[in-house]
Protein backbone atom coordinates (compact mmCIF):
# COMPACT_ATOMS: atom_id res chain seq x y z
CA MET A 1 12.29 20.74 -14.66
CA LYS A 2 9.48 18.76 -15.89
CA LEU A 3 7.53 16.26 -13.80
CA SER A 4 8.42 13.37 -16.20
CA GLU A 5 12.08 14.20 -15.06
CA ILE A 6 11.72 14.38 -11.29
CA GLY A 7 8.95 11.82 -11.01
CA GLU A 8 6.09 11.61 -8.50
CA PHE A 9 8.21 11.36 -5.43
CA GLY A 10 10.37 14.14 -6.63
CA LEU A 11 7.25 16.23 -6.82
CA ILE A 12 6.11 15.16 -3.30
CA LYS A 13 9.49 16.19 -1.90
CA ALA A 14 9.23 19.63 -3.70
CA ILE A 15 5.71 20.15 -2.26
CA SER A 16 6.70 19.16 1.34
CA ALA A 17 9.50 21.61 1.39
CA THR A 18 6.91 24.30 1.18
CA THR A 19 4.36 23.04 3.74
CA GLY A 20 6.02 23.77 7.12
CA LYS A 21 4.69 21.98 10.34
CA GLY A 22 1.74 23.76 11.99
CA LYS A 23 0.55 23.39 15.60
CA GLY A 24 -0.69 19.96 16.25
CA VAL A 25 0.92 18.13 13.30
CA VAL A 26 3.07 15.23 14.49
CA MET A 27 3.83 14.11 10.81
CA GLY A 28 2.82 15.95 7.78
CA VAL A 29 3.74 15.12 4.20
CA GLY A 30 5.90 12.06 3.50
CA ASP A 31 4.24 9.14 5.27
CA ASP A 32 1.26 6.79 4.68
CA ALA A 33 -0.94 9.28 6.65
CA ALA A 34 -0.78 12.65 8.25
CA VAL A 35 -0.61 12.34 11.93
CA LEU A 36 -2.34 15.00 13.99
CA THR A 37 -2.58 15.42 17.85
CA SER A 38 -5.94 14.22 19.05
CA SER A 39 -5.77 13.70 22.94
CA PRO A 40 -2.95 13.49 25.53
CA ASP A 41 -2.43 9.69 24.46
CA LYS A 42 -3.84 9.40 20.87
CA VAL A 43 -3.29 10.82 17.52
CA PHE A 44 -5.60 11.20 14.41
CA LEU A 45 -4.55 9.69 11.08
CA ILE A 46 -5.90 11.21 7.87
CA THR A 47 -5.01 9.76 4.41
CA THR A 48 -6.48 10.39 0.98
CA ASP A 49 -6.23 8.84 -2.41
CA LEU A 50 -7.37 9.82 -5.87
CA LEU A 51 -8.45 7.25 -8.37
CA LEU A 52 -8.90 8.53 -12.07
CA GLU A 53 -10.52 6.58 -14.77
CA GLY A 54 -7.92 5.64 -17.50
CA VAL A 55 -5.05 6.08 -15.08
CA HIS A 56 -5.85 3.96 -11.86
CA PHE A 57 -8.57 1.80 -13.30
CA SER A 58 -10.60 0.97 -16.44
CA LEU A 59 -14.34 0.14 -16.48
CA GLU A 60 -13.56 -2.33 -19.15
CA PHE A 61 -12.10 -4.51 -16.31
CA THR A 62 -14.05 -3.76 -13.19
CA ASP A 63 -17.71 -3.28 -12.26
CA TYR A 64 -18.65 -0.14 -10.06
CA HIS A 65 -19.21 -2.12 -6.99
CA SER A 66 -15.81 -3.78 -7.05
CA LEU A 67 -14.28 -0.36 -7.91
CA GLY A 68 -15.93 1.12 -4.75
CA ARG A 69 -14.55 -1.68 -2.56
CA LYS A 70 -11.03 -1.17 -4.06
CA ALA A 71 -11.38 2.70 -3.56
CA ALA A 72 -12.05 2.20 0.14
CA GLY A 73 -9.64 -0.48 0.50
CA VAL A 74 -6.44 1.38 -0.70
CA ASN A 75 -7.16 4.04 1.87
CA LEU A 76 -7.88 1.66 4.60
CA SER A 77 -4.43 0.14 3.78
CA ASP A 78 -2.72 3.45 4.56
CA ILE A 79 -4.34 3.66 7.98
CA ALA A 80 -3.23 -0.07 8.55
CA ALA A 81 0.36 1.01 7.62
CA CYS A 82 0.54 3.36 10.65
CA GLY A 83 -1.01 0.75 12.88
CA GLY A 84 -4.24 2.72 13.17
CA LYS A 85 -7.99 1.95 13.63
CA PRO A 86 -10.06 3.60 10.93
CA THR A 87 -13.04 5.66 12.27
CA ALA A 88 -14.81 7.48 9.33
CA PHE A 89 -14.35 8.47 5.70
CA LEU A 90 -15.46 10.90 3.02
CA VAL A 91 -15.90 10.65 -0.72
CA SER A 92 -15.81 13.22 -3.37
CA LEU A 93 -16.64 12.36 -6.95
CA ALA A 94 -16.41 14.00 -10.32
CA ILE A 95 -18.65 11.98 -12.79
CA PRO A 96 -19.96 12.30 -16.42
CA PRO A 97 -23.59 13.29 -16.17
CA GLU A 98 -24.63 10.50 -18.58
CA THR A 99 -23.37 7.88 -16.03
CA ASP A 100 -26.32 5.60 -14.86
CA ALA A 101 -27.48 6.44 -11.27
CA ALA A 102 -27.55 2.66 -10.63
CA SER A 103 -23.80 2.50 -11.15
CA VAL A 104 -23.11 5.38 -8.89
CA LYS A 105 -25.18 3.61 -6.21
CA ALA A 106 -23.23 0.38 -6.70
CA LEU A 107 -19.95 2.32 -6.32
CA TYR A 108 -20.95 3.78 -2.99
CA LYS A 109 -22.51 0.42 -2.00
CA GLY A 110 -18.95 -1.20 -2.62
CA MET A 111 -17.15 1.63 -0.46
CA VAL A 112 -19.68 1.48 2.36
CA GLU A 113 -19.54 -2.34 2.38
CA GLN A 114 -15.75 -2.39 2.60
CA ALA A 115 -15.53 0.17 5.28
CA ARG A 116 -18.16 -1.48 7.45
CA THR A 117 -16.10 -4.60 7.66
CA TYR A 118 -13.84 -2.39 9.88
CA GLY A 119 -16.63 -0.57 11.70
CA VAL A 120 -16.30 2.64 9.58
CA SER A 121 -19.06 4.81 8.37
CA LEU A 122 -19.37 7.29 5.49
CA VAL A 123 -19.78 10.86 6.95
CA GLY A 124 -19.68 13.26 3.94
CA GLY A 125 -18.11 14.35 0.67
CA ASP A 126 -18.87 16.22 -2.51
CA THR A 127 -20.00 15.50 -6.18
CA SER A 128 -19.25 17.46 -9.39
CA ARG A 129 -19.62 17.15 -13.14
CA GLY A 130 -16.57 15.66 -14.81
CA GLU A 131 -15.37 14.33 -18.26
CA THR A 132 -14.38 10.99 -16.68
CA LEU A 133 -14.90 9.33 -13.39
CA MET A 134 -12.62 10.63 -10.53
CA ILE A 135 -12.91 9.19 -7.10
CA SER A 136 -11.26 11.01 -4.13
CA VAL A 137 -11.48 9.12 -0.87
CA THR A 138 -10.34 10.35 2.55
CA PHE A 139 -10.12 8.11 5.71
CA ILE A 140 -9.77 9.26 9.12
CA GLY A 141 -8.28 6.89 11.84
CA GLU A 142 -6.73 6.83 15.26
CA VAL A 143 -4.04 5.12 17.20
CA GLU A 144 -2.38 5.54 20.53
CA GLU A 145 0.58 7.94 19.93
CA ARG A 146 3.18 5.56 21.45
CA ASN A 147 1.98 2.70 18.97
CA CYS A 148 2.09 4.80 15.76
CA VAL A 149 4.36 3.32 13.26
CA TYR A 150 6.21 5.54 10.75
CA ARG A 151 8.48 4.95 7.80
CA HIS A 152 11.60 6.41 9.37
CA GLY A 153 12.40 3.93 12.31
CA ALA A 154 14.26 1.19 10.46
CA GLN A 155 17.66 0.34 11.90
CA GLU A 156 20.77 -1.57 10.61
CA GLY A 157 20.36 -5.24 11.79
CA ASP A 158 16.44 -5.13 11.48
CA ARG A 159 14.67 -7.96 9.69
CA ILE A 160 12.31 -7.22 6.84
CA PHE A 161 8.94 -8.78 6.84
CA VAL A 162 5.84 -8.85 4.45
CA THR A 163 2.39 -9.92 5.06
CA GLY A 164 0.60 -12.21 2.47
CA THR A 165 1.95 -12.90 -0.88
CA LEU A 166 3.55 -10.62 -3.63
CA GLY A 167 2.80 -9.95 -7.29
CA ASP A 168 -0.75 -11.26 -7.58
CA SER A 169 -2.46 -7.93 -8.26
CA ALA A 170 -0.04 -6.94 -10.90
CA LEU A 171 -0.35 -10.36 -12.51
CA GLY A 172 -4.13 -10.11 -12.16
CA LEU A 173 -4.05 -6.88 -14.18
CA LYS A 174 -1.94 -8.35 -16.97
CA MET A 175 -4.42 -11.33 -17.05
CA LEU A 176 -7.37 -8.89 -17.38
CA LYS A 177 -5.57 -7.15 -20.26
CA LYS A 178 -5.27 -10.54 -21.97
CA GLY A 179 -9.21 -11.16 -21.42
CA VAL A 180 -8.90 -13.44 -18.49
CA LYS A 181 -11.60 -12.39 -16.01
CA GLU A 182 -11.35 -14.95 -13.35
CA GLY A 183 -8.76 -16.48 -10.92
CA ASP A 184 -7.16 -15.41 -7.65
CA PRO A 185 -4.73 -12.86 -9.10
CA VAL A 186 -7.56 -11.08 -10.83
CA ARG A 187 -9.57 -10.91 -7.67
CA ARG A 188 -6.50 -9.65 -5.82
CA HIS A 189 -6.26 -6.78 -8.34
CA LEU A 190 -9.94 -5.80 -8.43
CA ASP A 191 -10.61 -6.31 -4.63
CA PRO A 192 -7.60 -6.20 -2.43
CA THR A 193 -7.64 -6.95 1.26
CA PRO A 194 -6.42 -4.11 3.50
CA ARG A 195 -4.41 -5.50 6.29
CA VAL A 196 -6.07 -3.42 8.99
CA ARG A 197 -6.13 -6.12 11.68
CA GLU A 198 -2.48 -7.09 11.02
CA GLY A 199 -1.36 -3.57 11.05
CA GLY A 200 -3.17 -2.86 14.34
CA GLU A 201 -1.65 -5.78 16.12
CA ILE A 202 1.78 -5.28 14.76
CA ALA A 203 1.64 -1.68 16.18
CA ARG A 204 -0.08 -2.55 19.47
CA ARG A 205 2.48 -5.27 20.16
CA GLY A 206 5.47 -3.08 19.29
CA LEU A 207 6.77 -5.37 16.72
CA ALA A 208 7.80 -3.00 13.94
CA THR A 209 10.43 -0.25 13.85
CA ALA A 210 9.05 1.08 10.49
CA MET A 211 6.15 0.04 8.24
CA ILE A 212 4.44 0.92 4.88
CA ASP A 213 1.84 -0.64 2.65
CA ILE A 214 2.94 -1.84 -0.75
CA SER A 215 1.22 0.23 -3.37
CA ASP A 216 3.92 1.02 -5.80
CA GLY A 217 5.84 -2.24 -5.69
CA LEU A 218 8.14 -3.98 -3.02
CA ILE A 219 11.38 -2.17 -4.13
CA ALA A 220 9.72 1.27 -4.44
CA ASP A 221 7.95 1.14 -1.25
CA LEU A 222 10.92 -0.50 0.65
CA GLY A 223 12.97 2.41 -0.79
CA HIS A 224 10.68 4.97 1.02
CA ILE A 225 11.58 3.33 4.25
CA LEU A 226 15.12 3.40 3.52
CA GLU A 227 15.26 6.93 2.43
CA ALA A 228 13.23 8.04 5.60
CA SER A 229 15.46 6.00 7.89
CA GLY A 230 18.85 6.56 6.05
CA VAL A 231 19.63 2.93 5.78
CA GLY A 232 19.94 0.22 3.02
CA ALA A 233 18.44 -3.31 2.53
CA GLU A 234 19.11 -6.72 1.17
CA ILE A 235 16.18 -8.77 -0.20
CA HIS A 236 16.71 -12.36 -0.62
CA LEU A 237 14.86 -13.54 -3.82
CA PRO A 238 14.04 -17.03 -2.87
CA LYS A 239 12.23 -15.86 0.24
CA LEU A 240 9.70 -13.80 -1.52
CA PRO A 241 6.27 -15.12 -0.71
CA LEU A 242 4.59 -16.25 -4.03
CA SER A 243 1.05 -17.75 -4.10
CA ALA A 244 0.39 -21.07 -5.89
CA SER A 245 -1.77 -19.23 -8.38
CA TYR A 246 0.98 -16.59 -9.16
CA ARG A 247 3.52 -19.56 -9.68
CA LYS A 248 1.02 -21.33 -11.98
CA HIS A 249 0.34 -18.28 -14.21
CA ILE A 250 3.41 -16.09 -14.32
CA ASN A 251 5.48 -18.00 -16.82
CA ALA A 252 2.79 -17.23 -19.32
CA TYR A 253 3.50 -13.59 -19.12
CA TYR A 254 7.04 -13.05 -18.04
CA LYS A 255 10.40 -14.77 -18.28
CA ASN A 256 11.50 -13.44 -15.03
CA PRO A 257 9.01 -14.94 -12.36
CA TYR A 258 10.16 -12.46 -9.71
CA LEU A 259 9.60 -9.23 -11.62
CA LEU A 260 6.06 -8.55 -10.66
CA ALA A 261 6.69 -9.58 -7.04
CA LEU A 262 9.33 -7.11 -6.86
CA ALA A 263 7.96 -4.05 -8.88
CA GLY A 264 4.32 -4.88 -9.75
CA GLY A 265 2.68 -2.88 -7.04
CA GLU A 266 -1.01 -2.61 -5.84
CA ASP A 267 -0.51 -5.69 -3.52
CA TYR A 268 -1.49 -3.66 -0.48
CA GLU A 269 0.26 -5.98 1.79
CA LEU A 270 2.19 -4.51 4.86
CA LEU A 271 5.98 -4.15 4.71
CA PHE A 272 7.72 -3.64 7.82
CA THR A 273 11.11 -3.87 9.63
CA ALA A 274 11.58 -5.47 13.21
CA PRO A 275 14.50 -5.90 15.50
CA GLU A 276 16.57 -9.09 15.19
CA GLY A 277 14.93 -10.83 18.21
CA ARG A 278 11.21 -10.44 17.04
CA PRO A 279 10.62 -13.34 14.47
CA GLU A 280 9.14 -15.64 17.10
CA ALA A 281 6.67 -13.08 18.35
CA ILE A 282 5.84 -12.21 14.74
CA LYS A 283 5.31 -15.97 13.88
CA LYS A 284 2.98 -16.16 16.76
CA LEU A 285 0.92 -13.24 15.44
CA ALA A 286 0.72 -14.66 12.02
CA ASP A 287 -0.64 -18.01 13.47
CA GLU A 288 -3.22 -16.15 15.59
CA LEU A 289 -4.45 -14.05 12.56
CA GLY A 290 -4.20 -16.68 10.00
CA THR A 291 -2.05 -14.31 7.84
CA PRO A 292 1.21 -15.33 6.51
CA ILE A 293 4.06 -13.03 7.60
CA THR A 294 7.29 -13.85 5.81
CA MET A 295 10.96 -12.53 6.57
CA ILE A 296 12.46 -11.58 3.22
CA GLY A 297 15.67 -9.70 4.14
CA GLU A 298 17.47 -7.34 6.60
CA ILE A 299 18.34 -3.67 6.86
CA VAL A 300 22.08 -3.08 6.19
CA GLU A 301 24.44 -0.07 6.64
CA ALA A 302 23.41 3.36 5.30
CA SER A 303 22.93 3.54 1.53
CA SER A 304 19.30 3.98 0.87
CA GLU A 305 19.71 1.18 -1.72
CA VAL A 306 17.91 -1.99 -2.15
CA THR A 307 20.15 -4.97 -3.06
CA ILE A 308 18.50 -8.13 -4.44
CA VAL A 309 20.40 -11.43 -3.76
CA GLY A 310 19.45 -14.23 -5.96
CA PRO A 311 19.39 -17.93 -5.21
CA ASP A 312 23.12 -18.16 -6.00
CA GLY A 313 24.12 -15.54 -3.55
CA ARG A 314 24.86 -13.04 -6.44
CA LYS A 315 23.22 -9.66 -6.97
CA PHE A 316 20.00 -10.05 -9.07
CA PRO A 317 19.66 -7.01 -11.54
CA VAL A 318 16.12 -5.46 -11.65
CA GLU A 319 15.61 -2.64 -14.05
CA GLN A 320 12.17 -1.87 -13.16
CA ARG A 321 11.80 -0.48 -9.71
CA GLY A 322 8.04 0.21 -9.39
CA HIS A 323 5.40 2.48 -10.19
CA ASP A 324 5.80 6.32 -10.69
CA HIS A 325 2.84 8.37 -12.13
CA PHE A 326 5.07 10.88 -13.88
CA LYS A 327 8.16 9.18 -15.04
CA THR A 328 8.17 7.24 -18.22
């Protein structure tokens, strides 16, 4: 069967079936980060992402410094989704030899600058010749084992929350492709903010039963939680947090103003589930951090399906479910 038929996540399932679970492995393939035993009360978090020119980014739209910041940011987001604290990172590059050295220096400066915001240092990596630019970033983090948040803990009756706003990054990419190079959506796409503080506090305060970062789109990433937890979900369309800039610009690109918020991807916000009695504690955390956290739906009986409920209470059809590298 071809990868275009099974898709990215079908491939991941096939790979995970061959890996097993060695000594010291708490969680292997299938979550935002691998979780390894560290000490009697802590675990290591290890995550890696690959960014390939022409697939994940275009140098027509971004500069090397911003690209470096984003390369570090998307990995920091995975650590945040487990409730962890990042501690170190490594970078491997494949890069065309005709690339200007100053550009490579700017790339690393962006990565190091982003990482230092969270007290993290670059500790190693590798370089190689390549036909196009390829960036592989690996972050290491840690968290108290009792606080580590996975994808598989959602339960019927839980409420569904999301940090920040949705759809801005995907709208920013559409704007860039139309020649628009400024504005908040463009900034959100080129330089996303990983929610490290938010993820750490959500975990430390025991607010979440399951958590993931939004990289492939709200519906797709919520689907990962549902599949891992064996539950279903209802999302209420009017509750989706949409920024003022998104509302201002979206109608110039899409008739359906909710599409990118549901399936656009690369928001790198945190999506999490919490027991019914936690909204007040979550509101308090949002006020303390100055980060909006919005309840957008609830977990329902087992089905592994996401149902979107429109303003009129009827099911809202969405054909596009999110990003998949292999499916057309």
